[in-house]
Structure formats: structure tokens, C-alpha cells
Amino acid sequence: MSCLYSVNCKALLLLLCVITSACNASLPISLTPAWRDANAVGLLCRVNALGPEQAKQIEDLLCDYAQSRLQQSLGNSYAVDRLKLADGRILQPQRVSLIFDARLQWHTKALKGYTLTLSSRQFRHQPGGPAATVFFESPSVLLLPGASQQALGESHLMAKLRPIVERHLQRLMQ
């Protein structure tokens, strides 16, 4: 993963977790129909940004953070892994997939800076069941005013993104 600064990104994520103790609490999991008999969790993160490098960077930050939180909370109860677009594993009946969609947009009018819109959804394939639509609920908008178009620092982004991802994960675990 390419970082904007000469900092190991995964170490930065873990450091943010330790300093803020945001990663100490377990995520709640309910035995709703979506989670019954599941033994795997897939993460699919899709990011639309100004360029492919920036999109990949935010996708990695988002998915790495979510994956580390899920592994910490779920322990060995579930295999947690990342999925790519058109990954057939999303159709495995024992897998709950958590899908994150984000869009980073630069604004120059009323707000000079970035907005990052994040939405998420839980998906579980049910062979023989009704077709499921992928509808995203409860989008969150993250404002990053004053950031220059080229310099979006990871520590600044993660400090604001982390609590939003936590809320999305808590909702998705229900």
C-alpha cells in the first residue's frame, strides 16, 4: 500500500486504536437471521476518488481498519477476509459480507476541501431465497475542510474516519 507519508500505514492504524482505545471494545453481534450459521465475514470496500492511487489508498485504510476491528471482536469464531469486485466468495452461503462504498470529492465553492461519503450494507447470499438488492443505508458524510486537493494526510483522514467506520460496523453487526 502506498502511503502519503513515510509511515507504515498498518502501524499507524494500530497506533490510532491504542491511543484512542477505540479498538478495545468488542463490536456487538446479534444472532439475527443474517448471522445465523455464518462462519465467515467478507469485507468489500469500494472507493471512488479523484484518481486510482488515492482511491486505492482510502480503500486499503478503510478495509484494513474494519478487518482489524472485526478480527479483534470476533476472534476465531469467524474467518474475516477482504473481497474484491466480482469475487465469487460473496455467494458462499455461510459468509456474511459487509460492503462499504465511499466517494471522495473535492469542493471549491462553499466548502473548500474534501467530502467523503460512506455508506455500508450487510449481504448474505441465500440459495433458493428471494433475490436481494444491494441498497445502502445510512450514508455518513465526512467533511475535511481546508485540505488541499493534493495533500490528504492519512492521520488526519483516519482520525475523522475511524468513529464513522465504528458506527457503521456496529450497525452492520446487528
N, C-alpha and C. Protein backbone atom coordinates (compact mmCIF):
# COMPACT_ATOMS: atom_id res chain seq x y z
N MET A 1 0.84 -1.16 0.00
CA MET A 1 0.00 0.00 0.00
C MET A 1 0.89 1.23 0.00
N SER A 2 0.57 2.19 -0.83
CA SER A 2 1.38 3.39 -0.90
C SER A 2 0.82 4.43 0.05
N CYS A 3 1.66 4.98 0.90
CA CYS A 3 1.23 5.95 1.90
C CYS A 3 1.63 7.34 1.45
N LEU A 4 0.90 8.32 1.93
CA LEU A 4 1.25 9.69 1.60
C LEU A 4 2.50 10.13 2.34
N TYR A 5 2.70 9.63 3.52
CA TYR A 5 3.87 9.96 4.31
C TYR A 5 4.72 8.71 4.49
N SER A 6 5.96 8.91 4.94
CA SER A 6 6.83 7.75 5.12
C SER A 6 6.53 7.08 6.46
N VAL A 7 5.30 6.62 6.62
CA VAL A 7 4.85 5.96 7.84
C VAL A 7 4.22 4.63 7.43
N ASN A 8 4.51 3.61 8.17
CA ASN A 8 3.88 2.32 7.91
C ASN A 8 2.40 2.46 8.25
N CYS A 9 1.53 2.29 7.24
CA CYS A 9 0.10 2.56 7.40
C CYS A 9 -0.55 1.64 8.42
N LYS A 10 -0.22 0.37 8.42
CA LYS A 10 -0.84 -0.55 9.38
C LYS A 10 -0.41 -0.21 10.80
N ALA A 11 0.84 0.18 10.98
CA ALA A 11 1.29 0.59 12.30
C ALA A 11 0.54 1.83 12.75
N LEU A 12 0.28 2.74 11.82
CA LEU A 12 -0.47 3.95 12.13
C LEU A 12 -1.89 3.60 12.58
N LEU A 13 -2.52 2.66 11.89
CA LEU A 13 -3.87 2.25 12.27
C LEU A 13 -3.88 1.66 13.67
N LEU A 14 -2.94 0.78 13.96
CA LEU A 14 -2.89 0.17 15.28
C LEU A 14 -2.58 1.20 16.36
N LEU A 15 -1.71 2.16 16.05
CA LEU A 15 -1.38 3.21 16.99
C LEU A 15 -2.61 4.05 17.30
N LEU A 16 -3.39 4.39 16.28
CA LEU A 16 -4.62 5.15 16.49
C LEU A 16 -5.58 4.37 17.38
N CYS A 17 -5.66 3.06 17.18
CA CYS A 17 -6.52 2.23 18.01
C CYS A 17 -6.08 2.25 19.46
N VAL A 18 -4.78 2.12 19.69
CA VAL A 18 -4.25 2.04 21.04
C VAL A 18 -4.39 3.38 21.75
N ILE A 19 -4.02 4.47 21.08
CA ILE A 19 -4.06 5.79 21.70
C ILE A 19 -5.49 6.17 22.09
N THR A 20 -6.43 5.92 21.21
CA THR A 20 -7.80 6.36 21.46
C THR A 20 -8.63 5.31 22.18
N SER A 21 -8.13 4.12 22.33
CA SER A 21 -8.81 2.97 22.91
C SER A 21 -10.12 2.66 22.19
N ALA A 22 -10.25 3.15 20.96
CA ALA A 22 -11.47 2.88 20.18
C ALA A 22 -11.55 1.41 19.81
N CYS A 23 -10.44 0.73 19.76
CA CYS A 23 -10.44 -0.66 19.33
C CYS A 23 -10.52 -1.62 20.51
N ASN A 24 -10.62 -1.12 21.72
CA ASN A 24 -10.65 -2.01 22.88
C ASN A 24 -12.01 -2.66 23.07
N ALA A 25 -13.06 -1.96 22.73
CA ALA A 25 -14.40 -2.50 22.92
C ALA A 25 -14.74 -3.47 21.79
N SER A 26 -15.39 -4.56 22.15
CA SER A 26 -15.82 -5.51 21.12
C SER A 26 -17.05 -4.96 20.42
N LEU A 27 -17.15 -5.29 19.16
CA LEU A 27 -18.33 -4.92 18.41
C LEU A 27 -19.45 -5.88 18.79
N PRO A 28 -20.66 -5.39 18.95
CA PRO A 28 -21.75 -6.28 19.31
C PRO A 28 -22.18 -7.12 18.11
N ILE A 29 -22.51 -8.36 18.33
CA ILE A 29 -23.02 -9.19 17.25
C ILE A 29 -24.32 -9.82 17.73
N SER A 30 -25.33 -9.72 16.90
CA SER A 30 -26.63 -10.28 17.21
C SER A 30 -26.88 -11.49 16.33
N LEU A 31 -27.57 -12.46 16.88
CA LEU A 31 -27.89 -13.63 16.07
C LEU A 31 -29.16 -13.39 15.27
N THR A 32 -29.11 -12.35 14.44
CA THR A 32 -30.21 -12.09 13.53
C THR A 32 -30.10 -13.12 12.41
N PRO A 33 -31.14 -13.27 11.59
CA PRO A 33 -31.07 -14.27 10.51
C PRO A 33 -29.85 -14.13 9.61
N ALA A 34 -29.36 -12.92 9.43
CA ALA A 34 -28.19 -12.73 8.57
C ALA A 34 -26.94 -13.39 9.15
N TRP A 35 -26.86 -13.53 10.47
CA TRP A 35 -25.66 -14.06 11.12
C TRP A 35 -25.78 -15.52 11.53
N ARG A 36 -26.98 -16.08 11.54
CA ARG A 36 -27.15 -17.48 11.97
C ARG A 36 -26.39 -18.42 11.05
N ASP A 37 -25.66 -19.33 11.64
CA ASP A 37 -24.89 -20.36 10.94
C ASP A 37 -23.80 -19.81 10.03
N ALA A 38 -23.45 -18.56 10.18
CA ALA A 38 -22.35 -18.00 9.38
C ALA A 38 -21.03 -18.36 10.06
N ASN A 39 -20.00 -18.56 9.24
CA ASN A 39 -18.68 -18.84 9.81
C ASN A 39 -17.59 -17.99 9.16
N ALA A 40 -18.00 -17.06 8.29
CA ALA A 40 -17.02 -16.21 7.61
C ALA A 40 -17.62 -14.83 7.39
N VAL A 41 -16.73 -13.83 7.42
CA VAL A 41 -17.12 -12.45 7.14
C VAL A 41 -16.23 -11.95 6.02
N GLY A 42 -16.85 -11.42 4.98
CA GLY A 42 -16.10 -10.84 3.88
C GLY A 42 -16.26 -9.33 3.89
N LEU A 43 -15.20 -8.62 3.59
CA LEU A 43 -15.23 -7.17 3.50
C LEU A 43 -14.99 -6.75 2.06
N LEU A 44 -15.91 -6.00 1.52
CA LEU A 44 -15.76 -5.45 0.18
C LEU A 44 -15.79 -3.94 0.32
N CYS A 45 -14.68 -3.29 0.01
CA CYS A 45 -14.57 -1.84 0.10
C CYS A 45 -14.38 -1.29 -1.30
N ARG A 46 -15.25 -0.37 -1.67
CA ARG A 46 -15.17 0.26 -3.00
C ARG A 46 -15.10 1.76 -2.79
N VAL A 47 -14.09 2.38 -3.38
CA VAL A 47 -13.89 3.82 -3.20
C VAL A 47 -13.77 4.49 -4.56
N ASN A 48 -14.50 5.56 -4.71
CA ASN A 48 -14.41 6.40 -5.89
C ASN A 48 -13.75 7.70 -5.46
N ALA A 49 -12.61 8.03 -6.04
CA ALA A 49 -11.85 9.22 -5.65
C ALA A 49 -11.35 9.94 -6.89
N LEU A 50 -10.54 10.96 -6.67
CA LEU A 50 -10.04 11.77 -7.79
C LEU A 50 -9.14 10.98 -8.71
N GLY A 51 -8.42 10.02 -8.20
CA GLY A 51 -7.54 9.20 -9.01
C GLY A 51 -7.46 7.80 -8.45
N PRO A 52 -6.99 6.84 -9.26
CA PRO A 52 -6.95 5.46 -8.79
C PRO A 52 -6.00 5.24 -7.61
N GLU A 53 -4.92 5.99 -7.52
CA GLU A 53 -3.98 5.83 -6.41
C GLU A 53 -4.62 6.27 -5.09
N GLN A 54 -5.32 7.40 -5.15
CA GLN A 54 -6.00 7.90 -3.95
C GLN A 54 -7.14 6.97 -3.56
N ALA A 55 -7.87 6.45 -4.54
CA ALA A 55 -8.96 5.51 -4.26
C ALA A 55 -8.42 4.25 -3.59
N LYS A 56 -7.33 3.72 -4.09
CA LYS A 56 -6.72 2.51 -3.53
C LYS A 56 -6.24 2.76 -2.10
N GLN A 57 -5.64 3.93 -1.87
CA GLN A 57 -5.14 4.26 -0.54
C GLN A 57 -6.30 4.29 0.47
N ILE A 58 -7.39 4.97 0.13
CA ILE A 58 -8.52 5.07 1.06
C ILE A 58 -9.20 3.72 1.22
N GLU A 59 -9.29 2.97 0.14
CA GLU A 59 -9.87 1.62 0.21
C GLU A 59 -9.08 0.74 1.17
N ASP A 60 -7.76 0.79 1.07
CA ASP A 60 -6.90 -0.01 1.96
C ASP A 60 -7.04 0.44 3.42
N LEU A 61 -7.05 1.76 3.65
CA LEU A 61 -7.20 2.26 5.02
C LEU A 61 -8.53 1.82 5.61
N LEU A 62 -9.59 1.97 4.84
CA LEU A 62 -10.93 1.61 5.30
C LEU A 62 -11.04 0.12 5.59
N CYS A 63 -10.63 -0.71 4.64
CA CYS A 63 -10.77 -2.16 4.80
C CYS A 63 -9.81 -2.72 5.85
N ASP A 64 -8.59 -2.20 5.91
CA ASP A 64 -7.64 -2.68 6.92
C ASP A 64 -8.15 -2.37 8.33
N TYR A 65 -8.68 -1.17 8.51
CA TYR A 65 -9.21 -0.82 9.82
C TYR A 65 -10.41 -1.70 10.17
N ALA A 66 -11.37 -1.84 9.25
CA ALA A 66 -12.55 -2.67 9.51
C ALA A 66 -12.15 -4.11 9.77
N GLN A 67 -11.20 -4.65 8.99
CA GLN A 67 -10.78 -6.02 9.16
C GLN A 67 -10.11 -6.23 10.52
N SER A 68 -9.26 -5.30 10.95
CA SER A 68 -8.60 -5.47 12.25
C SER A 68 -9.62 -5.39 13.39
N ARG A 69 -10.61 -4.50 13.27
CA ARG A 69 -11.65 -4.40 14.30
C ARG A 69 -12.50 -5.67 14.36
N LEU A 70 -12.86 -6.21 13.20
CA LEU A 70 -13.66 -7.43 13.18
C LEU A 70 -12.89 -8.61 13.74
N GLN A 71 -11.62 -8.75 13.36
CA GLN A 71 -10.82 -9.86 13.87
C GLN A 71 -10.64 -9.75 15.38
N GLN A 72 -10.46 -8.53 15.87
CA GLN A 72 -10.31 -8.34 17.31
C GLN A 72 -11.61 -8.68 18.04
N SER A 73 -12.74 -8.29 17.48
CA SER A 73 -14.02 -8.52 18.16
C SER A 73 -14.52 -9.95 18.02
N LEU A 74 -14.32 -10.55 16.87
CA LEU A 74 -14.89 -11.87 16.60
C LEU A 74 -13.95 -13.01 16.96
N GLY A 75 -12.68 -12.70 17.13
CA GLY A 75 -11.71 -13.75 17.46
C GLY A 75 -11.67 -14.83 16.40
N ASN A 76 -11.65 -16.09 16.83
CA ASN A 76 -11.58 -17.21 15.90
C ASN A 76 -12.96 -17.72 15.48
N SER A 77 -14.02 -17.05 15.92
CA SER A 77 -15.37 -17.51 15.61
C SER A 77 -15.69 -17.41 14.12
N TYR A 78 -15.09 -16.44 13.46
CA TYR A 78 -15.36 -16.20 12.04
C TYR A 78 -14.04 -15.95 11.31
N ALA A 79 -13.94 -16.47 10.11
CA ALA A 79 -12.82 -16.10 9.25
C ALA A 79 -13.16 -14.75 8.64
N VAL A 80 -12.27 -13.77 8.76
CA VAL A 80 -12.51 -12.42 8.24
C VAL A 80 -11.50 -12.16 7.13
N ASP A 81 -12.00 -11.89 5.93
CA ASP A 81 -11.10 -11.60 4.82
C ASP A 81 -11.70 -10.57 3.89
N ARG A 82 -10.81 -9.99 3.07
CA ARG A 82 -11.24 -8.98 2.10
C ARG A 82 -11.70 -9.64 0.82
N LEU A 83 -12.70 -9.03 0.23
CA LEU A 83 -13.22 -9.48 -1.06
C LEU A 83 -12.91 -8.42 -2.11
N LYS A 84 -12.80 -8.84 -3.33
CA LYS A 84 -12.61 -7.92 -4.46
C LYS A 84 -13.90 -7.92 -5.27
N LEU A 85 -14.03 -6.95 -6.15
CA LEU A 85 -15.18 -6.94 -7.04
C LEU A 85 -15.24 -8.24 -7.83
N ALA A 86 -16.42 -8.74 -8.07
CA ALA A 86 -16.65 -9.98 -8.81
C ALA A 86 -16.02 -11.20 -8.15
N ASP A 87 -15.84 -11.15 -6.84
CA ASP A 87 -15.29 -12.27 -6.08
C ASP A 87 -16.43 -13.24 -5.79
N GLY A 88 -16.31 -14.47 -6.26
CA GLY A 88 -17.35 -15.46 -6.09
C GLY A 88 -17.60 -15.85 -4.65
N ARG A 89 -16.66 -15.55 -3.75
CA ARG A 89 -16.84 -15.92 -2.34
C ARG A 89 -18.01 -15.17 -1.70
N ILE A 90 -18.42 -14.06 -2.29
CA ILE A 90 -19.56 -13.31 -1.73
C ILE A 90 -20.83 -14.14 -1.79
N LEU A 91 -20.87 -15.15 -2.66
CA LEU A 91 -22.05 -16.00 -2.81
C LEU A 91 -22.02 -17.24 -1.92
N GLN A 92 -20.97 -17.43 -1.14
CA GLN A 92 -20.92 -18.57 -0.24
C GLN A 92 -22.01 -18.43 0.82
N PRO A 93 -22.85 -19.45 0.98
CA PRO A 93 -23.99 -19.31 1.89
C PRO A 93 -23.62 -19.15 3.36
N GLN A 94 -22.41 -19.53 3.76
CA GLN A 94 -22.01 -19.38 5.17
C GLN A 94 -21.28 -18.07 5.44
N ARG A 95 -21.25 -17.17 4.46
CA ARG A 95 -20.49 -15.91 4.57
C ARG A 95 -21.45 -14.72 4.67
N VAL A 96 -21.18 -13.85 5.64
CA VAL A 96 -21.84 -12.55 5.71
C VAL A 96 -20.84 -11.55 5.12
N SER A 97 -21.28 -10.80 4.13
CA SER A 97 -20.40 -9.81 3.51
C SER A 97 -20.81 -8.42 3.95
N LEU A 98 -19.83 -7.64 4.34
CA LEU A 98 -20.04 -6.25 4.72
C LEU A 98 -19.45 -5.40 3.60
N ILE A 99 -20.30 -4.61 2.99
CA ILE A 99 -19.90 -3.83 1.81
C ILE A 99 -19.85 -2.36 2.18
N PHE A 100 -18.70 -1.74 1.94
CA PHE A 100 -18.53 -0.31 2.17
C PHE A 100 -18.34 0.38 0.83
N ASP A 101 -19.09 1.44 0.62
CA ASP A 101 -18.95 2.26 -0.57
C ASP A 101 -18.59 3.67 -0.13
N ALA A 102 -17.53 4.22 -0.69
CA ALA A 102 -17.11 5.58 -0.32
C ALA A 102 -16.83 6.39 -1.58
N ARG A 103 -17.09 7.67 -1.46
CA ARG A 103 -16.81 8.59 -2.57
C ARG A 103 -16.13 9.82 -1.98
N LEU A 104 -14.93 10.09 -2.47
CA LEU A 104 -14.17 11.27 -2.06
C LEU A 104 -14.33 12.32 -3.15
N GLN A 105 -14.73 13.52 -2.73
CA GLN A 105 -14.97 14.57 -3.72
C GLN A 105 -14.34 15.87 -3.24
N TRP A 106 -13.73 16.60 -4.17
CA TRP A 106 -13.09 17.88 -3.87
C TRP A 106 -14.08 19.00 -4.18
N HIS A 107 -14.18 19.97 -3.29
CA HIS A 107 -15.10 21.11 -3.48
C HIS A 107 -14.31 22.41 -3.43
N THR A 108 -14.70 23.36 -4.28
CA THR A 108 -14.04 24.67 -4.28
C THR A 108 -15.01 25.81 -4.04
N LYS A 109 -16.29 25.55 -4.01
CA LYS A 109 -17.28 26.64 -3.86
C LYS A 109 -17.50 26.96 -2.38
N ALA A 110 -18.64 26.61 -1.83
CA ALA A 110 -18.99 26.96 -0.45
C ALA A 110 -18.04 26.32 0.56
N LEU A 111 -17.68 25.09 0.32
CA LEU A 111 -16.75 24.38 1.20
C LEU A 111 -15.49 24.11 0.40
N LYS A 112 -14.39 24.64 0.85
CA LYS A 112 -13.13 24.34 0.17
C LYS A 112 -12.48 23.19 0.91
N GLY A 113 -12.46 22.06 0.28
CA GLY A 113 -11.90 20.87 0.89
C GLY A 113 -12.58 19.62 0.35
N TYR A 114 -12.38 18.52 1.05
CA TYR A 114 -12.94 17.24 0.63
C TYR A 114 -14.21 16.92 1.40
N THR A 115 -15.05 16.14 0.76
CA THR A 115 -16.11 15.42 1.47
C THR A 115 -15.91 13.95 1.14
N LEU A 116 -16.10 13.13 2.14
CA LEU A 116 -16.05 11.68 1.95
C LEU A 116 -17.40 11.14 2.39
N THR A 117 -18.12 10.56 1.45
CA THR A 117 -19.42 9.97 1.74
C THR A 117 -19.22 8.47 1.88
N LEU A 118 -19.68 7.91 2.99
CA LEU A 118 -19.51 6.49 3.26
C LEU A 118 -20.87 5.87 3.52
N SER A 119 -21.16 4.80 2.81
CA SER A 119 -22.37 4.02 3.08
C SER A 119 -21.96 2.56 3.19
N SER A 120 -22.82 1.78 3.84
CA SER A 120 -22.47 0.38 4.07
C SER A 120 -23.72 -0.48 4.05
N ARG A 121 -23.50 -1.75 3.80
CA ARG A 121 -24.60 -2.70 3.76
C ARG A 121 -24.08 -4.08 4.12
N GLN A 122 -24.96 -4.87 4.69
CA GLN A 122 -24.67 -6.27 5.00
C GLN A 122 -25.34 -7.11 3.91
N PHE A 123 -24.65 -8.14 3.44
CA PHE A 123 -25.23 -9.01 2.40
C PHE A 123 -24.93 -10.47 2.75
N ARG A 124 -25.92 -11.30 2.59
CA ARG A 124 -25.72 -12.75 2.74
C ARG A 124 -26.53 -13.45 1.66
N HIS A 125 -25.84 -14.23 0.86
CA HIS A 125 -26.49 -14.97 -0.23
C HIS A 125 -27.32 -16.11 0.36
N GLN A 126 -28.54 -16.23 -0.13
CA GLN A 126 -29.42 -17.30 0.33
C GLN A 126 -29.88 -18.10 -0.89
N PRO A 127 -29.20 -19.21 -1.20
CA PRO A 127 -29.60 -20.00 -2.35
C PRO A 127 -31.06 -20.42 -2.23
N GLY A 128 -31.80 -20.23 -3.30
CA GLY A 128 -33.21 -20.59 -3.31
C GLY A 128 -34.11 -19.54 -2.68
N GLY A 129 -33.52 -18.53 -2.08
CA GLY A 129 -34.30 -17.46 -1.45
C GLY A 129 -34.58 -16.35 -2.45
N PRO A 130 -35.30 -15.35 -2.01
CA PRO A 130 -35.60 -14.23 -2.91
C PRO A 130 -34.33 -13.46 -3.26
N ALA A 131 -34.34 -12.87 -4.42
CA ALA A 131 -33.18 -12.09 -4.86
C ALA A 131 -33.03 -10.88 -3.94
N ALA A 132 -31.81 -10.60 -3.55
CA ALA A 132 -31.53 -9.46 -2.67
C ALA A 132 -31.04 -8.29 -3.51
N THR A 133 -31.48 -7.13 -3.16
CA THR A 133 -30.96 -5.94 -3.82
C THR A 133 -29.89 -5.36 -2.94
N VAL A 134 -28.92 -4.73 -3.56
CA VAL A 134 -27.85 -4.10 -2.79
C VAL A 134 -28.23 -2.64 -2.62
N PHE A 135 -28.84 -2.32 -1.49
CA PHE A 135 -29.27 -0.97 -1.17
C PHE A 135 -28.48 -0.51 0.04
N PHE A 136 -27.88 0.63 -0.06
CA PHE A 136 -27.03 1.12 1.02
C PHE A 136 -27.82 2.04 1.93
N GLU A 137 -27.67 1.81 3.23
CA GLU A 137 -28.40 2.56 4.24
C GLU A 137 -27.50 3.56 4.94
N SER A 138 -28.12 4.54 5.53
CA SER A 138 -27.47 5.48 6.45
C SER A 138 -26.12 5.99 5.97
N PRO A 139 -26.09 6.73 4.87
CA PRO A 139 -24.79 7.27 4.47
C PRO A 139 -24.29 8.30 5.48
N SER A 140 -23.00 8.35 5.63
CA SER A 140 -22.34 9.33 6.50
C SER A 140 -21.50 10.24 5.61
N VAL A 141 -21.50 11.51 5.91
CA VAL A 141 -20.68 12.46 5.16
C VAL A 141 -19.64 13.03 6.10
N LEU A 142 -18.40 12.90 5.70
CA LEU A 142 -17.26 13.37 6.46
C LEU A 142 -16.72 14.62 5.78
N LEU A 143 -16.67 15.73 6.50
CA LEU A 143 -16.17 16.98 5.93
C LEU A 143 -14.71 17.16 6.32
N LEU A 144 -13.89 17.46 5.34
CA LEU A 144 -12.47 17.71 5.57
C LEU A 144 -12.13 19.08 5.00
N PRO A 145 -12.63 20.16 5.62
CA PRO A 145 -12.41 21.50 5.07
C PRO A 145 -10.96 21.93 5.17
N GLY A 146 -10.57 22.76 4.21
CA GLY A 146 -9.25 23.34 4.26
C GLY A 146 -8.13 22.46 3.75
N ALA A 147 -8.40 21.20 3.50
CA ALA A 147 -7.35 20.32 2.98
C ALA A 147 -7.07 20.71 1.53
N SER A 148 -5.82 20.69 1.14
CA SER A 148 -5.52 20.99 -0.26
C SER A 148 -5.85 19.78 -1.10
N GLN A 149 -6.07 20.02 -2.39
CA GLN A 149 -6.52 18.94 -3.26
C GLN A 149 -5.50 17.81 -3.37
N GLN A 150 -4.24 18.11 -3.26
CA GLN A 150 -3.22 17.07 -3.42
C GLN A 150 -2.82 16.41 -2.10
N ALA A 151 -2.91 17.14 -0.98
CA ALA A 151 -2.40 16.62 0.28
C ALA A 151 -3.53 16.25 1.22
N LEU A 152 -3.85 14.99 1.26
CA LEU A 152 -4.83 14.47 2.22
C LEU A 152 -4.08 13.49 3.10
N GLY A 153 -3.69 13.94 4.27
CA GLY A 153 -2.87 13.12 5.15
C GLY A 153 -3.65 11.98 5.77
N GLU A 154 -3.02 10.82 5.86
CA GLU A 154 -3.68 9.63 6.39
C GLU A 154 -4.06 9.79 7.86
N SER A 155 -3.20 10.39 8.66
CA SER A 155 -3.53 10.54 10.08
C SER A 155 -4.73 11.45 10.25
N HIS A 156 -4.80 12.52 9.47
CA HIS A 156 -5.94 13.44 9.52
C HIS A 156 -7.22 12.73 9.06
N LEU A 157 -7.12 11.98 7.98
CA LEU A 157 -8.28 11.25 7.46
C LEU A 157 -8.74 10.18 8.44
N MET A 158 -7.83 9.38 8.96
CA MET A 158 -8.21 8.28 9.86
C MET A 158 -8.77 8.80 11.18
N ALA A 159 -8.28 9.92 11.66
CA ALA A 159 -8.80 10.47 12.90
C ALA A 159 -10.28 10.80 12.76
N LYS A 160 -10.69 11.23 11.59
CA LYS A 160 -12.10 11.55 11.35
C LYS A 160 -12.89 10.34 10.87
N LEU A 161 -12.25 9.46 10.12
CA LEU A 161 -12.95 8.31 9.54
C LEU A 161 -13.22 7.21 10.56
N ARG A 162 -12.30 7.02 11.49
CA ARG A 162 -12.40 5.93 12.46
C ARG A 162 -13.74 5.89 13.20
N PRO A 163 -14.22 7.01 13.81
CA PRO A 163 -15.50 6.92 14.53
C PRO A 163 -16.69 6.62 13.62
N ILE A 164 -16.62 7.06 12.38
CA ILE A 164 -17.71 6.79 11.44
C ILE A 164 -17.71 5.31 11.06
N VAL A 165 -16.56 4.74 10.81
CA VAL A 165 -16.47 3.31 10.49
C VAL A 165 -16.96 2.49 11.68
N GLU A 166 -16.61 2.91 12.90
CA GLU A 166 -17.08 2.21 14.10
C GLU A 166 -18.61 2.16 14.14
N ARG A 167 -19.27 3.30 13.87
CA ARG A 167 -20.74 3.33 13.87
C ARG A 167 -21.31 2.42 12.81
N HIS A 168 -20.71 2.41 11.62
CA HIS A 168 -21.18 1.54 10.55
C HIS A 168 -20.99 0.07 10.94
N LEU A 169 -19.85 -0.28 11.50
CA LEU A 169 -19.61 -1.66 11.90
C LEU A 169 -20.59 -2.10 12.98
N GLN A 170 -20.85 -1.23 13.94
CA GLN A 170 -21.81 -1.59 14.99
C GLN A 170 -23.19 -1.86 14.40
N ARG A 171 -23.61 -1.05 13.44
CA ARG A 171 -24.91 -1.27 12.80
C ARG A 171 -24.91 -2.55 11.97
N LEU A 172 -23.81 -2.80 11.28
CA LEU A 172 -23.74 -3.98 10.41
C LEU A 172 -23.69 -5.29 11.20
N MET A 173 -23.23 -5.22 12.44
CA MET A 173 -23.12 -6.43 13.24
C MET A 173 -24.47 -6.83 13.86
N GLN A 174 -25.49 -6.06 13.65
CA GLN A 174 -26.83 -6.37 14.18
C GLN A 174 -27.60 -7.25 13.23
